Amino acid sequence: MNKKIIFLIFLVLGVLEIFFDFFTVLIKNTLLHKKNKDMSEKTNIKLFFILVFFIGFIYFLGQFVQVMARLFDIPLDGGIFENLK
């Protein structure tokens, strides 16, 4: 259960940064005390949080596949092509 909460937090943090520039503004104004920030520093912050977002997204995508496989009684033990035979 704790793993799901951590990955959900990853998703929320990623969405905050991707759509609202939450952490870019926070780091720029409070931690660095710089008003003029060059584009490469902003890009590095944004790429880090996009990576965090995709880690959470891939985890929940895997959980979704497991739930759908259980729902349709598809075994995930073997390979993909074994299930198609």
Foldseek 3Di string as FASTA:
>chain_A
DVVLVQLVVLQVQLCCCVPPVVVVVVCCCPVPVHPDDDPVVSVVVNVVSPVSNVVSVVVVVVVVVVVVCVVVVNDPPDDPVVSVD
